[in-house]
Amino acid sequence: MHEKDINILKLLLFDGRMSYESIAKKVKLTPYLVKKRINELVEMGVIMKFVTNLNFLLLKRSVCYTLVDVKPGTDQHELIERIGQLDEVSGGAISLQNKMQIIHIYSDDYDFKKNLGKLMEFEEIENMENFILLIPPSLGFKSERLNKTDWKIINSMKDNCRKTDVEIANELGISSKTVKRRLGYLRENNIILFMIDLDTSAAEFLSYLLIVKFQRIASESLSNVMKIVKNYFYVWKIANQEAFIFTVFIDKLRDIDEQVKEIEKNPYIKEVISFVPTKMFYFESWIDKLIKKNAFA
């Protein structure tokens, strides 16, 4: 995949509604070529959907990446589809390894343990390790006041954050000025986040999940790791362990082993886990159902 495409994806991951003109300035292409490349990424299945997410911090929720070991010979595709029927599960990935990644949302320790209990009810799952994401302060919100119109706008954009103000207004029977004003309020207060659902296994796209555990996180050691893992687009600090999760672009599968070996040479490294997805999944969770409920109440 071309470096320009990767740079475009990085921008869309943090603002799925960013204009072609704004992207063009940052990646040094014309708006026409940016639009053309984005359309190609959609056709290849790399960009699955442009989504509007309700900030789960607004709902006082946390997110956990659970890495599970599954029994050899398990049909992972069929299993993750069944797991995805749980309201708490928002996504996940399968792999060529006997491992699966499950993303689920919870409110407190009781809720968290309940989620894990539901996962362990699937007999194909043998073991699991949980990585709770430490959400950066930048994702905090200033206000949480939503009116009926706000819920309708969020629902309208849920599966396509690139809808224009006019398209949303026509769909909802309100003025485009109202849409623009309420979207400004929702964005400025981090109540909604515009992103993309990304399949990092599609087409010629090659990436992997890298979990680096530290005996203790030292700034020098973390800096060394980040120099080795150069082409990453997601980095999450883990709240329940001394660890970081990276999602990394690579050119060849052998690059994974080379990077892991280099990382393991660093002081304070406890363990390095790599996970190569073969298919990403996104499911309707209880948050999606809540949006629909409030939009049509």
Protein backbone atom coordinates (compact mmCIF):
# COMPACT_ATOMS: atom_id res chain seq x y z
CA MET A 1 0.00 0.00 0.00
CA HIS A 2 1.25 3.44 -0.91
CA GLU A 3 2.53 5.69 1.89
CA LYS A 4 0.06 8.38 0.79
CA ASP A 5 -2.82 5.96 1.39
CA ILE A 6 -1.53 5.18 4.87
CA ASN A 7 -1.29 8.89 5.67
CA ILE A 8 -4.85 9.42 4.43
CA LEU A 9 -6.08 6.58 6.65
CA LYS A 10 -4.29 8.00 9.68
CA LEU A 11 -6.09 11.31 9.21
CA LEU A 12 -9.50 9.70 8.68
CA LEU A 13 -9.10 7.53 11.78
CA PHE A 14 -9.07 10.68 13.89
CA ASP A 15 -11.53 12.68 11.80
CA GLY A 16 -13.62 10.69 9.36
CA ARG A 17 -15.38 13.88 8.27
CA MET A 18 -12.18 15.73 7.30
CA SER A 19 -12.65 17.44 3.93
CA TYR A 20 -10.80 16.34 0.81
CA GLU A 21 -9.19 19.78 0.68
CA SER A 22 -7.84 19.56 4.25
CA ILE A 23 -6.48 16.04 3.67
CA ALA A 24 -4.91 17.15 0.38
CA LYS A 25 -2.92 19.89 2.11
CA LYS A 26 -1.52 17.47 4.68
CA VAL A 27 -0.60 14.64 2.29
CA LYS A 28 0.48 16.91 -0.58
CA LEU A 29 -2.02 15.67 -3.20
CA THR A 30 -4.84 17.37 -5.05
CA PRO A 31 -8.37 17.08 -3.58
CA TYR A 32 -9.35 15.09 -6.71
CA LEU A 33 -6.62 12.50 -6.08
CA VAL A 34 -7.48 12.30 -2.38
CA LYS A 35 -11.12 11.58 -3.22
CA LYS A 36 -10.04 9.01 -5.82
CA ARG A 37 -7.74 7.22 -3.35
CA ILE A 38 -10.41 7.18 -0.62
CA ASN A 39 -12.95 5.69 -3.05
CA GLU A 40 -10.42 3.01 -4.00
CA LEU A 41 -9.81 2.18 -0.31
CA VAL A 42 -13.57 1.78 0.13
CA GLU A 43 -13.83 -0.48 -2.94
CA MET A 44 -10.95 -2.65 -1.63
CA GLY A 45 -12.72 -3.05 1.72
CA VAL A 46 -9.96 -1.34 3.68
CA ILE A 47 -12.37 1.42 4.72
CA MET A 48 -15.49 -0.48 5.69
CA LYS A 49 -17.56 2.47 6.83
CA PHE A 50 -17.38 6.15 7.85
CA VAL A 51 -18.86 6.16 11.33
CA THR A 52 -20.11 8.58 13.96
CA ASN A 53 -19.41 7.26 17.44
CA LEU A 54 -20.97 8.49 20.64
CA ASN A 55 -18.17 9.17 23.11
CA PHE A 56 -18.54 6.27 25.55
CA LEU A 57 -16.99 8.41 28.30
CA LEU A 58 -20.22 10.37 28.14
CA LEU A 59 -21.92 7.16 29.23
CA LYS A 60 -19.28 6.52 31.93
CA ARG A 61 -17.98 3.43 30.15
CA SER A 62 -14.54 1.95 29.51
CA VAL A 63 -13.18 -0.18 26.66
CA CYS A 64 -11.29 -3.45 26.97
CA TYR A 65 -9.31 -5.36 24.34
CA THR A 66 -9.51 -9.03 25.29
CA LEU A 67 -7.08 -11.38 23.58
CA VAL A 68 -8.44 -14.94 23.76
CA ASP A 69 -6.89 -18.32 23.02
CA VAL A 70 -9.25 -20.59 21.10
CA LYS A 71 -9.12 -24.33 20.67
CA PRO A 72 -7.23 -25.53 17.57
CA GLY A 73 -9.54 -26.20 14.63
CA THR A 74 -12.13 -23.63 15.78
CA ASP A 75 -14.05 -21.88 13.01
CA GLN A 76 -13.11 -18.39 14.18
CA HIS A 77 -15.39 -16.62 11.72
CA GLU A 78 -18.43 -18.47 13.00
CA LEU A 79 -17.36 -18.03 16.63
CA ILE A 80 -16.82 -14.26 16.45
CA GLU A 81 -20.18 -13.81 14.74
CA ARG A 82 -21.81 -15.54 17.72
CA ILE A 83 -19.78 -13.50 20.20
CA GLY A 84 -20.76 -10.33 18.33
CA GLN A 85 -24.41 -10.95 19.22
CA LEU A 86 -23.58 -9.91 22.80
CA ASP A 87 -24.71 -6.32 23.38
CA GLU A 88 -21.45 -5.48 25.15
CA VAL A 89 -19.23 -6.50 22.22
CA SER A 90 -18.52 -3.78 19.65
CA GLY A 91 -15.89 -5.49 17.50
CA GLY A 92 -12.98 -7.86 17.18
CA ALA A 93 -10.70 -9.74 14.84
CA ILE A 94 -9.77 -13.29 13.87
CA SER A 95 -6.30 -14.53 12.94
CA LEU A 96 -4.28 -17.43 11.54
CA GLN A 97 -3.06 -17.99 15.09
CA ASN A 98 -5.28 -19.71 17.64
CA LYS A 99 -6.09 -16.25 18.97
CA MET A 100 -8.96 -13.79 18.61
CA GLN A 101 -9.33 -10.18 19.64
CA ILE A 102 -12.60 -9.08 21.25
CA ILE A 103 -13.47 -5.43 21.98
CA HIS A 104 -16.10 -4.91 24.66
CA ILE A 105 -17.51 -2.03 26.71
CA TYR A 106 -18.25 -2.03 30.44
CA SER A 107 -19.23 0.36 33.24
CA ASP A 108 -17.65 -0.95 36.47
CA ASP A 109 -15.84 -3.97 37.95
CA TYR A 110 -19.06 -5.94 38.29
CA ASP A 111 -19.97 -5.22 34.66
CA PHE A 112 -16.42 -6.09 33.55
CA LYS A 113 -16.50 -9.47 35.31
CA LYS A 114 -19.95 -10.14 33.86
CA ASN A 115 -18.58 -9.51 30.34
CA LEU A 116 -15.71 -11.95 30.94
CA GLY A 117 -18.15 -14.52 32.32
CA LYS A 118 -20.23 -14.31 29.15
CA LEU A 119 -17.13 -14.77 26.99
CA MET A 120 -16.00 -17.82 28.95
CA GLU A 121 -19.38 -19.44 28.29
CA PHE A 122 -18.19 -20.05 24.73
CA GLU A 123 -16.63 -23.49 24.98
CA GLU A 124 -14.16 -22.76 22.16
CA ILE A 125 -12.40 -20.17 24.36
CA GLU A 126 -9.64 -21.55 26.57
CA ASN A 127 -7.83 -18.54 28.04
CA MET A 128 -8.03 -14.76 27.88
CA GLU A 129 -5.95 -11.73 28.74
CA ASN A 130 -7.50 -8.31 29.19
CA PHE A 131 -6.08 -4.92 28.23
CA ILE A 132 -8.13 -1.95 29.44
CA LEU A 133 -7.51 1.15 27.36
CA LEU A 134 -6.41 4.30 29.17
CA ILE A 135 -8.38 7.00 27.40
CA PRO A 136 -6.41 10.22 26.79
CA PRO A 137 -7.68 13.42 28.43
CA SER A 138 -8.20 14.93 24.96
CA LEU A 139 -11.25 12.67 24.55
CA GLY A 140 -12.93 14.09 27.64
CA PHE A 141 -16.10 16.13 27.14
CA LYS A 142 -17.08 19.56 28.44
CA SER A 143 -20.84 19.22 28.22
CA GLU A 144 -23.26 16.33 28.07
CA ARG A 145 -26.52 18.07 27.20
CA LEU A 146 -28.20 16.40 24.22
CA ASN A 147 -31.64 17.30 22.91
CA LYS A 148 -33.97 15.28 20.67
CA THR A 149 -32.55 16.89 17.52
CA ASP A 150 -29.01 15.94 18.57
CA TRP A 151 -29.99 12.27 18.89
CA LYS A 152 -31.64 12.35 15.46
CA ILE A 153 -28.54 13.90 13.88
CA ILE A 154 -26.26 11.32 15.54
CA ASN A 155 -28.50 8.47 14.36
CA SER A 156 -28.60 9.88 10.81
CA MET A 157 -24.80 10.02 10.67
CA LYS A 158 -24.08 6.83 12.59
CA ASP A 159 -23.18 4.80 9.49
CA ASN A 160 -22.00 7.69 7.33
CA CYS A 161 -20.27 10.62 9.01
CA ARG A 162 -19.50 12.17 5.62
CA LYS A 163 -23.12 13.09 4.95
CA THR A 164 -23.44 16.79 4.21
CA ASP A 165 -25.38 19.17 6.43
CA VAL A 166 -27.93 19.54 3.63
CA GLU A 167 -28.39 15.76 3.29
CA ILE A 168 -28.97 15.40 7.03
CA ALA A 169 -31.33 18.39 7.08
CA ASN A 170 -33.42 17.01 4.20
CA GLU A 171 -33.58 13.59 5.85
CA LEU A 172 -34.71 15.00 9.22
CA GLY A 173 -36.88 17.84 7.95
CA ILE A 174 -34.90 20.58 9.70
CA SER A 175 -32.76 23.46 8.43
CA SER A 176 -29.13 22.98 7.41
CA LYS A 177 -28.26 25.89 9.76
CA THR A 178 -29.65 23.89 12.67
CA VAL A 179 -27.62 20.85 11.62
CA LYS A 180 -24.44 22.91 11.33
CA ARG A 181 -25.00 24.58 14.73
CA ARG A 182 -25.77 21.35 16.60
CA LEU A 183 -22.91 19.47 14.93
CA GLY A 184 -20.57 22.26 16.00
CA TYR A 185 -21.77 21.89 19.59
CA LEU A 186 -21.49 18.08 19.54
CA ARG A 187 -17.97 18.14 18.07
CA GLU A 188 -16.59 20.93 20.21
CA ASN A 189 -17.69 19.09 23.35
CA ASN A 190 -16.35 15.71 22.16
CA ILE A 191 -19.82 14.21 22.49
CA ILE A 192 -19.42 12.58 19.08
CA LEU A 193 -16.31 11.30 17.29
CA PHE A 194 -16.02 10.93 13.52
CA MET A 195 -13.93 7.87 12.57
CA ILE A 196 -13.69 5.00 10.09
CA ASP A 197 -14.25 1.29 10.55
CA LEU A 198 -11.01 -0.08 9.17
CA ASP A 199 -10.19 -3.62 8.07
CA THR A 200 -6.43 -3.82 8.45
CA SER A 201 -6.35 -7.19 6.69
CA ALA A 202 -8.08 -6.22 3.45
CA ALA A 203 -6.52 -6.10 -0.02
CA GLU A 204 -2.76 -5.39 0.09
CA PHE A 205 -3.12 -3.80 3.49
CA LEU A 206 -0.89 -5.47 6.08
CA SER A 207 -0.81 -4.61 9.75
CA TYR A 208 -0.55 -6.22 13.13
CA LEU A 209 -1.36 -5.59 16.77
CA LEU A 210 1.72 -5.31 18.97
CA ILE A 211 1.35 -5.52 22.75
CA VAL A 212 4.49 -4.49 24.62
CA LYS A 213 4.59 -5.28 28.34
CA PHE A 214 7.13 -3.53 30.53
CA GLN A 215 8.53 -4.55 33.90
CA ARG A 216 8.15 -0.83 34.53
CA ILE A 217 7.58 1.88 31.98
CA ALA A 218 10.67 4.03 31.69
CA SER A 219 10.63 6.98 29.30
CA GLU A 220 13.91 5.88 27.67
CA SER A 221 12.71 2.33 27.11
CA LEU A 222 9.36 3.48 25.68
CA SER A 223 11.17 5.93 23.40
CA ASN A 224 13.39 3.11 22.10
CA VAL A 225 10.35 0.96 21.34
CA MET A 226 8.67 3.79 19.44
CA LYS A 227 11.81 4.27 17.33
CA ILE A 228 11.67 0.59 16.32
CA VAL A 229 7.93 0.56 15.64
CA LYS A 230 7.96 3.46 13.21
CA ASN A 231 4.86 3.06 11.08
CA TYR A 232 2.13 2.85 13.70
CA PHE A 233 -1.25 4.58 13.58
CA TYR A 234 -2.73 3.67 16.96
CA VAL A 235 -0.99 3.70 20.33
CA TRP A 236 -2.96 3.00 23.49
CA LYS A 237 -1.60 2.98 27.02
CA ILE A 238 -3.04 0.17 29.11
CA ALA A 239 -4.67 1.05 32.42
CA ASN A 240 -4.51 -2.34 34.15
CA GLN A 241 -0.95 -3.28 33.16
CA GLU A 242 2.41 -1.66 32.48
CA ALA A 243 1.88 -2.00 28.75
CA PHE A 244 1.13 -0.29 25.45
CA ILE A 245 -0.82 -1.51 22.41
CA PHE A 246 0.40 -0.47 18.96
CA THR A 247 -1.38 -1.06 15.67
CA VAL A 248 1.37 -1.13 13.07
CA PHE A 249 1.64 -1.01 9.27
CA ILE A 250 4.22 -3.40 7.79
CA ASP A 251 5.45 -4.31 4.31
CA LYS A 252 6.18 -8.00 4.91
CA LEU A 253 5.24 -10.53 7.58
CA ARG A 254 8.89 -11.15 8.39
CA ASP A 255 9.10 -7.52 9.54
CA ILE A 256 7.09 -8.56 12.62
CA ASP A 257 9.75 -10.98 13.89
CA GLU A 258 12.50 -8.44 13.22
CA GLN A 259 10.67 -5.74 15.17
CA VAL A 260 9.83 -8.06 18.07
CA LYS A 261 13.46 -9.21 18.39
CA GLU A 262 14.67 -5.60 18.41
CA ILE A 263 12.12 -4.61 21.04
CA GLU A 264 13.03 -7.54 23.30
CA LYS A 265 16.62 -6.27 23.47
CA ASN A 266 15.48 -3.19 25.36
CA PRO A 267 15.69 -2.95 29.16
CA TYR A 268 12.51 -3.30 31.23
CA ILE A 269 10.72 -5.33 28.55
CA LYS A 270 8.70 -8.10 30.15
CA GLU A 271 6.89 -9.62 27.15
CA VAL A 272 5.98 -8.82 23.56
CA ILE A 273 2.83 -10.24 21.95
CA SER A 274 2.03 -9.92 18.24
CA PHE A 275 -1.39 -10.53 16.72
CA VAL A 276 -1.95 -10.57 12.95
CA PRO A 277 -5.64 -10.15 12.00
CA THR A 278 -7.04 -11.86 8.92
CA LYS A 279 -10.45 -10.17 9.22
CA MET A 280 -11.85 -7.29 11.27
CA PHE A 281 -15.43 -7.25 12.57
CA TYR A 282 -17.65 -4.43 13.85
CA PHE A 283 -20.93 -5.20 15.62
CA GLU A 284 -24.00 -3.28 16.72
CA SER A 285 -23.65 -2.78 20.46
CA TRP A 286 -26.05 -1.48 23.11
CA ILE A 287 -24.73 2.05 22.38
CA ASP A 288 -26.04 1.81 18.80
CA LYS A 289 -29.38 0.65 20.15
CA LEU A 290 -29.41 3.53 22.66
CA ILE A 291 -28.89 6.05 19.84
CA LYS A 292 -31.80 4.60 17.86
CA LYS A 293 -34.02 4.54 20.95
CA ASN A 294 -33.38 8.21 21.80
CA ALA A 295 -33.69 9.30 18.16
CA PHE A 296 -37.15 7.77 17.78
CA ALA A 297 -38.47 8.19 21.34
